Protein backbone atom coordinates (compact mmCIF):
# COMPACT_ATOMS: atom_id res chain seq x y z
CA UNK A 1 101.46 -17.86 14.79
CA UNK A 2 101.14 -14.53 13.52
CA UNK A 3 99.18 -15.93 10.15
CA UNK A 4 96.98 -17.97 12.40
CA UNK A 5 96.07 -15.11 14.81
CA UNK A 6 95.56 -12.86 11.27
CA UNK A 7 93.43 -15.30 10.08
CA UNK A 8 91.10 -15.75 13.37
CA UNK A 9 91.00 -11.79 13.41
CA UNK A 10 89.60 -11.66 10.18
CA UNK A 11 87.12 -14.32 10.81
CA UNK A 12 85.67 -12.28 13.68
CA UNK A 13 85.64 -9.17 11.74
CA UNK A 14 83.71 -11.12 8.85
CA UNK A 15 81.50 -12.67 11.17
CA UNK A 16 80.52 -9.29 13.00
CA UNK A 17 79.82 -7.81 9.74
CA UNK A 18 77.83 -10.91 8.93
CA UNK A 19 75.75 -10.46 12.13
CA UNK A 20 75.20 -6.30 11.56
CA UNK A 21 74.22 -7.02 8.13
CA UNK A 22 71.85 -9.66 9.09
CA UNK A 23 70.32 -7.18 11.80
CA UNK A 24 69.98 -4.73 9.07
CA UNK A 25 68.04 -6.80 6.73
CA UNK A 26 65.90 -8.08 9.96
CA UNK A 27 65.14 -4.27 10.70
CA UNK A 28 64.49 -3.52 7.05
CA UNK A 29 61.81 -6.35 6.75
CA UNK A 30 60.33 -5.33 10.22
CA UNK A 31 59.78 -1.98 8.95
CA UNK A 32 58.12 -3.29 5.59
CA UNK A 33 56.00 -5.40 7.79
CA UNK A 34 55.14 -2.42 9.94
CA UNK A 35 54.30 -0.12 6.93
CA UNK A 36 52.23 -2.59 5.15
CA UNK A 37 50.28 -3.02 8.32
CA UNK A 38 50.01 0.60 8.92
CA UNK A 39 48.73 0.95 5.09
CA UNK A 40 46.52 -2.06 5.52
CA UNK A 41 45.04 -0.18 8.90
CA UNK A 42 44.31 3.16 7.40
CA UNK A 43 42.91 1.49 4.67
CA UNK A 44 40.34 -0.27 6.89
CA UNK A 45 39.66 3.22 8.66
CA UNK A 46 39.22 5.01 4.94
CA UNK A 47 36.91 1.66 4.05
CA UNK A 48 35.05 2.09 7.04
CA UNK A 49 34.54 5.58 6.66
CA UNK A 50 33.72 5.75 3.16
CA UNK A 51 31.21 3.05 3.84
CA UNK A 52 29.68 5.25 6.13
CA UNK A 53 29.40 8.00 4.00
CA UNK A 54 27.99 5.90 1.35
CA UNK A 55 25.49 4.70 4.05
CA UNK A 56 24.66 7.84 4.51
CA UNK A 57 24.32 9.31 1.01
CA UNK A 58 22.10 6.45 0.03
CA UNK A 59 19.77 6.65 3.11
CA UNK A 60 16.39 7.64 2.05
CA UNK A 61 15.11 10.87 4.43
CA UNK A 62 11.56 10.90 4.51
CA UNK A 63 9.93 14.31 2.95
CA UNK A 64 6.35 15.93 3.39
CA UNK A 65 7.35 18.44 0.61
CA UNK A 66 5.25 16.47 -2.29
CA UNK A 67 5.29 19.21 -4.52
CA UNK A 68 8.99 20.11 -4.14
CA UNK A 69 10.23 19.24 -7.67
CA UNK A 70 7.21 19.87 -9.46
CA UNK A 71 5.25 22.73 -10.94
CA UNK A 72 1.94 24.12 -10.02
CA UNK A 73 0.52 22.47 -13.28
CA UNK A 74 1.78 19.20 -12.38
CA UNK A 75 4.22 18.96 -14.99
CA UNK A 76 8.02 17.95 -13.12
CA UNK A 77 10.24 20.86 -13.09
CA UNK A 78 12.68 21.40 -15.40
CA UNK A 79 11.56 17.96 -17.44
CA UNK A 80 10.84 17.21 -20.95
CA UNK A 81 9.37 13.92 -20.18
CA UNK A 82 9.72 12.49 -23.79
CA UNK A 83 13.35 12.45 -23.15
CA UNK A 84 13.22 10.13 -20.26
CA UNK A 85 10.26 7.59 -21.61
CA UNK A 86 9.78 5.70 -24.88
CA UNK A 87 5.75 6.22 -25.05
CA UNK A 88 3.86 2.90 -26.35
CA UNK A 89 1.94 3.30 -29.48
CA UNK A 90 -1.12 4.86 -27.66
CA UNK A 91 -2.43 5.90 -31.00
CA UNK A 92 -3.11 2.24 -32.13
CA UNK A 93 -4.38 0.29 -28.86
CA UNK A 94 -6.46 -2.13 -29.00
CA UNK A 95 -8.80 -3.16 -26.11
CA UNK A 96 -9.94 -6.69 -26.09
CA UNK A 97 -13.70 -7.02 -26.58
CA UNK A 98 -13.38 -9.84 -23.79
CA UNK A 99 -11.82 -7.03 -21.06
CA UNK A 100 -14.86 -4.83 -21.22
CA UNK A 101 -17.80 -7.35 -21.53
CA UNK A 102 -19.57 -9.04 -18.44
CA UNK A 103 -19.42 -13.01 -17.98
CA UNK A 104 -23.06 -14.38 -17.79
CA UNK A 105 -21.84 -15.31 -13.80
CA UNK A 106 -20.46 -11.37 -13.46
CA UNK A 107 -23.37 -9.83 -14.35
CA UNK A 108 -25.47 -12.30 -11.88
CA UNK A 109 -22.83 -11.60 -9.01
CA UNK A 110 -23.36 -7.68 -9.79
CA UNK A 111 -27.05 -7.89 -9.56
CA UNK A 112 -27.02 -9.91 -6.29
CA UNK A 113 -24.56 -8.02 -4.85
CA UNK A 114 -26.77 -4.84 -5.51
CA UNK A 115 -29.62 -6.72 -3.87
CA UNK A 116 -28.01 -7.69 -1.06
CA UNK A 117 -26.95 -4.13 -0.24
CA UNK A 118 -31.05 -3.10 -0.21
CA UNK A 119 -31.97 -6.31 2.02
CA UNK A 120 -35.11 -5.40 4.34
CA UNK A 121 -35.19 -6.85 7.53
CA UNK A 122 -38.25 -9.56 7.89
CA UNK A 123 -39.83 -10.47 10.94
CA UNK A 124 -40.45 -14.23 9.75
CA UNK A 125 -38.33 -17.13 8.97
CA UNK A 126 -36.13 -19.46 10.07
CA UNK A 127 -32.26 -18.84 10.21
CA UNK A 128 -29.85 -20.53 7.76
CA UNK A 129 -26.35 -20.75 7.40
CA UNK A 130 -25.21 -17.62 5.52
CA UNK A 131 -28.08 -15.17 6.63
CA UNK A 132 -27.50 -11.82 8.04
CA UNK A 133 -29.87 -11.62 10.98
CA UNK A 134 -30.44 -8.79 13.80
CA UNK A 135 -30.01 -9.92 17.37
CA UNK A 136 -29.86 -9.11 21.21
CA UNK A 137 -27.77 -11.00 23.43
CA UNK A 138 -26.95 -10.53 27.13
CA UNK A 139 -23.79 -12.57 28.32
CA UNK A 140 -23.18 -13.95 31.72
CA UNK A 141 -20.90 -15.98 33.67
CA UNK A 142 -22.07 -17.63 36.77
CA UNK A 143 -25.28 -15.48 36.18
CA UNK A 144 -23.03 -12.11 36.47
CA UNK A 145 -23.50 -10.30 33.48
CA UNK A 146 -19.60 -9.33 32.42
CA UNK A 147 -18.64 -6.19 30.40
CA UNK A 148 -18.88 -6.30 26.53
CA UNK A 149 -21.52 -9.02 26.41
CA UNK A 150 -24.63 -6.85 26.14
CA UNK A 151 -25.84 -5.49 22.92
CA UNK A 152 -28.32 -3.08 25.08
CA UNK A 153 -31.41 -3.55 23.15
CA UNK A 154 -29.93 -1.58 20.01
CA UNK A 155 -30.17 -4.73 17.91
CA UNK A 156 -26.68 -6.44 16.35
CA UNK A 157 -26.43 -7.31 12.52
CA UNK A 158 -24.67 -10.74 12.51
CA UNK A 159 -23.79 -12.60 9.39
CA UNK A 160 -23.73 -16.29 10.58
CA UNK A 161 -20.70 -17.84 9.19
CA UNK A 162 -18.59 -15.00 9.69
CA UNK A 163 -16.99 -15.73 12.89
CA UNK A 164 -17.30 -12.63 14.51
CA UNK A 165 -18.38 -14.26 17.54
CA UNK A 166 -17.12 -17.06 19.89
CA UNK A 167 -16.87 -20.18 18.22
CA UNK A 168 -20.28 -22.22 18.46
CA UNK A 169 -22.31 -18.89 18.75
CA UNK A 170 -23.39 -18.17 15.20
CA UNK A 171 -23.92 -22.12 14.41
CA UNK A 172 -26.03 -22.19 17.66
CA UNK A 173 -28.47 -19.56 15.96
CA UNK A 174 -29.19 -21.91 12.64
CA UNK A 175 -32.57 -23.43 12.85
CA UNK A 176 -34.08 -20.34 15.24
CA UNK A 177 -37.19 -18.65 14.23
CA UNK A 178 -37.44 -14.82 14.22
CA UNK A 179 -39.12 -14.01 17.54
CA UNK A 180 -37.51 -16.57 19.65
CA UNK A 181 -35.51 -16.25 22.86
CA UNK A 182 -33.13 -18.68 23.89
CA UNK A 183 -29.97 -19.07 25.71
CA UNK A 184 -26.50 -20.09 24.07
CA UNK A 185 -23.77 -21.96 25.79
CA UNK A 186 -20.24 -21.41 25.08
CA UNK A 187 -16.49 -21.18 26.34
CA UNK A 188 -14.20 -18.44 25.85
CA UNK A 189 -10.75 -19.71 24.21
CA UNK A 190 -8.06 -19.82 26.45
CA UNK A 191 -6.23 -17.30 24.59
CA UNK A 192 -8.92 -14.70 24.73
CA UNK A 193 -7.79 -10.78 24.87
CA UNK A 194 -9.15 -10.57 28.25
CA UNK A 195 -7.76 -12.36 31.09
CA UNK A 196 -11.14 -12.61 33.22
CA UNK A 197 -12.95 -14.33 30.46
CA UNK A 198 -10.57 -16.34 29.10
CA UNK A 199 -11.02 -20.25 29.01
CA UNK A 200 -14.54 -19.39 30.84
CA UNK A 201 -17.80 -20.98 30.05
CA UNK A 202 -20.29 -17.98 29.33
CA UNK A 203 -24.25 -18.12 28.48
CA UNK A 204 -26.12 -15.69 25.89
CA UNK A 205 -29.60 -14.97 26.24
CA UNK A 206 -30.10 -14.17 22.57
CA UNK A 207 -33.46 -12.85 21.05
CA UNK A 208 -33.68 -13.15 17.15
CA UNK A 209 -35.55 -9.74 15.80
CA UNK A 210 -35.28 -10.37 12.16
CA UNK A 211 -33.46 -11.96 9.22
CA UNK A 212 -32.30 -9.87 6.27
CA UNK A 213 -34.08 -10.63 3.03
CA UNK A 214 -33.35 -9.44 -0.83
CA UNK A 215 -35.82 -6.84 -2.03
CA UNK A 216 -38.16 -8.55 -5.07
CA UNK A 217 -35.98 -7.71 -7.80
CA UNK A 218 -38.77 -5.82 -10.53
CA UNK A 219 -39.06 -2.37 -11.90
CA UNK A 220 -40.48 -0.77 -8.51
CA UNK A 221 -36.72 -1.95 -7.27
CA UNK A 222 -35.32 -0.06 -9.42
CA UNK A 223 -37.32 3.13 -9.73
CA UNK A 224 -36.99 3.20 -6.05
CA UNK A 225 -33.01 2.53 -5.60
CA UNK A 226 -31.68 3.10 -9.18
CA UNK A 227 -33.70 6.11 -10.90
CA UNK A 228 -30.75 7.30 -12.47
CA UNK A 229 -29.82 3.66 -14.49
CA UNK A 230 -33.90 3.42 -15.93
CA UNK A 231 -36.91 2.82 -14.97
CA UNK A 232 -37.40 -0.96 -15.98
CA UNK A 233 -35.46 -4.08 -15.44
CA UNK A 234 -34.46 -4.03 -18.82
CA UNK A 235 -33.13 -0.23 -18.84
CA UNK A 236 -31.41 -0.78 -15.58
CA UNK A 237 -29.47 -4.08 -16.77
CA UNK A 238 -28.12 -2.13 -20.28
CA UNK A 239 -27.23 0.68 -17.89
CA UNK A 240 -24.90 -1.78 -15.68
CA UNK A 241 -23.72 -3.36 -19.20
CA UNK A 242 -22.88 0.24 -20.56
CA UNK A 243 -21.23 1.33 -17.46
CA UNK A 244 -19.02 -1.68 -16.78
CA UNK A 245 -17.95 -1.42 -20.76
CA UNK A 246 -17.03 2.64 -20.35
CA UNK A 247 -14.74 1.88 -17.06
CA UNK A 248 -13.54 -1.29 -18.16
CA UNK A 249 -12.02 0.54 -21.39
CA UNK A 250 -11.11 3.68 -19.03
CA UNK A 251 -9.09 0.89 -16.90
CA UNK A 252 -7.51 -0.86 -19.74
CA UNK A 253 -6.13 2.15 -21.14
CA UNK A 254 -4.92 3.95 -17.87
CA UNK A 255 -3.26 0.79 -17.15
CA UNK A 256 -1.80 -0.23 -20.63
CA UNK A 257 -0.21 3.32 -21.45
CA UNK A 258 2.11 3.23 -18.54
CA UNK A 259 2.77 -0.50 -18.47
CA UNK A 260 3.56 -0.75 -22.43
CA UNK A 261 5.86 2.59 -22.17
CA UNK A 262 9.65 2.31 -21.45
CA UNK A 263 11.62 4.21 -19.11
CA UNK A 264 15.01 5.41 -20.17
CA UNK A 265 16.19 7.17 -17.59
CA UNK A 266 14.85 8.38 -14.24
CA UNK A 267 15.25 12.29 -13.49
CA UNK A 268 17.38 12.47 -10.94
CA UNK A 269 15.89 15.08 -8.41
CA UNK A 270 12.31 14.09 -8.75
CA UNK A 271 13.42 10.61 -8.35
CA UNK A 272 14.92 11.24 -4.70
CA UNK A 273 12.03 13.55 -4.04
CA UNK A 274 9.73 10.84 -4.78
CA UNK A 275 11.54 8.08 -2.73
CA UNK A 276 11.46 10.79 0.21
CA UNK A 277 8.12 11.66 0.09
CA UNK A 278 7.27 7.64 -0.42
CA UNK A 279 9.05 6.89 2.97
CA UNK A 280 7.36 10.05 4.50
CA UNK A 281 3.67 8.53 3.73
CA UNK A 282 4.90 5.31 5.13
CA UNK A 283 6.23 7.13 8.58
CA UNK A 284 2.99 9.05 8.45
CA UNK A 285 0.98 5.97 7.81
CA UNK A 286 2.47 4.35 10.89
CA UNK A 287 2.52 7.26 13.19
CA UNK A 288 -1.18 7.23 12.78
CA UNK A 289 -1.96 3.45 13.46
CA UNK A 290 0.58 3.93 16.37
CA UNK A 291 -1.92 6.87 17.96
CA UNK A 292 -4.91 4.41 17.06
CA UNK A 293 -3.50 1.69 18.90
CA UNK A 294 -2.60 3.78 22.02
CA UNK A 295 -6.30 5.01 22.39
CA UNK A 296 -6.96 1.13 22.81
CA UNK A 297 -3.94 1.01 25.43
CA UNK A 298 -1.99 -1.30 22.76
CA UNK A 299 1.28 -0.85 21.77
CA UNK A 300 1.80 -0.81 17.76
CA UNK A 301 5.51 -1.49 18.33
CA UNK A 302 8.62 0.17 16.32
CA UNK A 303 8.40 1.34 12.63
CA UNK A 304 10.81 -1.32 11.82
CA UNK A 305 7.97 -3.77 13.08
CA UNK A 306 5.44 -2.09 11.05
CA UNK A 307 7.06 -2.39 7.89
CA UNK A 308 8.24 -6.05 8.59
CA UNK A 309 11.70 -5.44 6.67
CA UNK A 310 15.10 -5.49 6.89
CA UNK A 311 16.32 -1.93 6.34
CA UNK A 312 17.86 -2.97 3.03
CA UNK A 313 14.44 -4.59 2.10
CA UNK A 314 12.71 -1.40 2.75
CA UNK A 315 14.67 0.94 1.14
CA UNK A 316 14.64 -1.58 -1.72
CA UNK A 317 10.90 -1.41 -1.77
CA UNK A 318 10.64 2.31 -1.36
CA UNK A 319 13.19 2.56 -4.61
CA UNK A 320 10.60 0.15 -6.16
CA UNK A 321 7.61 1.93 -5.53
CA UNK A 322 9.12 5.66 -6.32
CA UNK A 323 10.09 4.25 -9.54
CA UNK A 324 6.68 2.97 -10.26
CA UNK A 325 5.26 6.69 -9.26
CA UNK A 326 7.59 8.29 -11.28
CA UNK A 327 7.25 6.66 -14.77
CA UNK A 328 3.22 6.82 -14.42
CA UNK A 329 3.75 10.51 -13.74
CA UNK A 330 6.74 10.88 -16.84
CA UNK A 331 4.45 9.04 -19.14
CA UNK A 332 1.16 11.35 -18.58
CA UNK A 333 3.69 14.59 -19.08
CA UNK A 334 5.09 12.77 -21.90
CA UNK A 335 1.40 12.24 -23.81
CA UNK A 336 0.37 15.95 -23.29
CA UNK A 337 4.16 16.82 -24.51
CA UNK A 338 3.49 14.52 -27.81
CA UNK A 339 0.63 16.06 -28.42
CA UNK A 340 1.41 19.55 -27.90
CA UNK A 341 -1.12 19.98 -25.27
CA UNK A 342 -0.35 22.94 -22.41
CA UNK A 343 -1.81 23.11 -19.16
CA UNK A 344 -1.91 25.92 -16.98
CA UNK A 345 -2.00 25.97 -13.05
CA UNK A 346 -5.79 27.38 -13.25
CA UNK A 347 -6.63 24.68 -15.86
CA UNK A 348 -5.49 22.16 -13.61
CA UNK A 349 -7.58 23.32 -10.80
CA UNK A 350 -10.54 23.88 -12.86
CA UNK A 351 -9.94 20.21 -13.94
CA UNK A 352 -9.74 18.80 -10.43
CA UNK A 353 -12.49 20.86 -8.83
CA UNK A 354 -14.54 19.20 -11.88
CA UNK A 355 -13.52 16.07 -10.48
CA UNK A 356 -14.40 16.13 -7.06
CA UNK A 357 -17.50 18.45 -7.39
CA UNK A 358 -16.16 21.89 -5.92
CA UNK A 359 -12.62 23.29 -4.75
CA UNK A 360 -12.72 21.80 -1.07
CA UNK A 361 -10.47 18.86 -2.58
CA UNK A 362 -8.33 21.06 -4.43
CA UNK A 363 -7.97 23.87 -1.64
CA UNK A 364 -7.35 21.16 1.29
CA UNK A 365 -4.85 18.82 -0.62
CA UNK A 366 -3.03 21.99 -2.02
CA UNK A 367 -2.53 22.99 1.86
CA UNK A 368 -1.43 19.60 2.75
CA UNK A 369 0.50 18.50 -0.11
CA UNK A 370 1.25 21.58 -2.82
CA UNK A 371 -0.14 22.51 -5.64
CA UNK A 372 1.97 20.75 -8.08
CA UNK A 373 1.21 17.55 -6.34
CA UNK A 374 -2.89 17.86 -6.74
CA UNK A 375 -2.33 19.14 -10.51
CA UNK A 376 -1.00 15.51 -11.19
CA UNK A 377 -4.46 14.34 -11.47
CA UNK A 378 -5.35 16.76 -13.99
CA UNK A 379 -2.03 15.88 -15.97
CA UNK A 380 -3.23 12.04 -15.55
CA UNK A 381 -6.91 12.81 -16.51
CA UNK A 382 -5.94 14.86 -19.47
CA UNK A 383 -3.53 12.05 -20.88
CA UNK A 384 -5.97 9.31 -20.39
CA UNK A 385 -8.68 10.98 -21.98
CA UNK A 386 -6.25 11.57 -25.01
CA UNK A 387 -5.48 7.91 -25.14
CA UNK A 388 -8.81 6.77 -25.15
CA UNK A 389 -9.77 8.97 -28.06
CA UNK A 390 -7.86 6.76 -29.73
CA UNK A 391 -8.60 3.29 -28.59
CA UNK A 392 -10.48 0.86 -30.18
CA UNK A 393 -12.41 -2.12 -28.88
CA UNK A 394 -12.13 -5.63 -30.92
């Protein structure tokens, strides 16, 4: 009996001990789980904070200080451009002949455009598709004149086929002669901007005053409109070809000295500032457009509507444009450095004054954007001029 009692007592003690040990293990496990969860929660909070900090750090804040990282001579502050860009072989640049010579069609198109820019109003002829005419009109609905439907007798220039007017208006002018007065029947579209006119039939009483025609292409035309390019058609045409050749060589060199050079790295401060001013220019453009819309009682929407991109897409676009701007500035500055050409702020101003025929441009733009930003034009001009001296056409 005693042995049995002792055995049962021992068994109970062991069971209690096992139970206590089990509870300790369970408590320990829960403590570990709690610690892990707590650490995870802290990690999430920290991660969230870090994300916010990173996003704030990467947010492009608009800045109107265009010259913040520029010297008054247009050079980038504290930057040796040759350390940031590998220049192309601008001293051996070859410009293809095909890039600087008019094709026969291009040449004829230029002459045609110049003739059209000096058209005169003829008081005879019949309207054809594509003609530019001068008309007056009075529009009515049910015999009552409506707002905006009267040219006021001032004469209105309209090119047939331009679709400036309601569908059917321009086509009904075709076949009529100068001096005719006749009605045109049209119907405003259902989605027309003015509710009181949308979907309604209207009649316009039209008078054709004249049809614009090209002046005769001869020596007199040259003497009257292009005296600086010669006194004969032959001299004028040669001047056109020479001017095109010169400007095409300039454009080719200006483009390729940048495109064919390679960026090594971007100067951090100037790169960041350029992003800021790039975004500021967009904001300023949006605000100007918004004010214009308001003048006409229209809503321009938000800045996000204006840019038409997500925040991430827009920032990527700003960065891309800033990189191109900075590359341009580095290349032009690097060419001057490579040639040992110095440029003072006064020299930069003189170049700008010559470019814009006076000091109004330099003065007004310096006040708005700072001297350094305006002087960049002088840096670019000198750099391109240097590259042009080396360029050959083949």
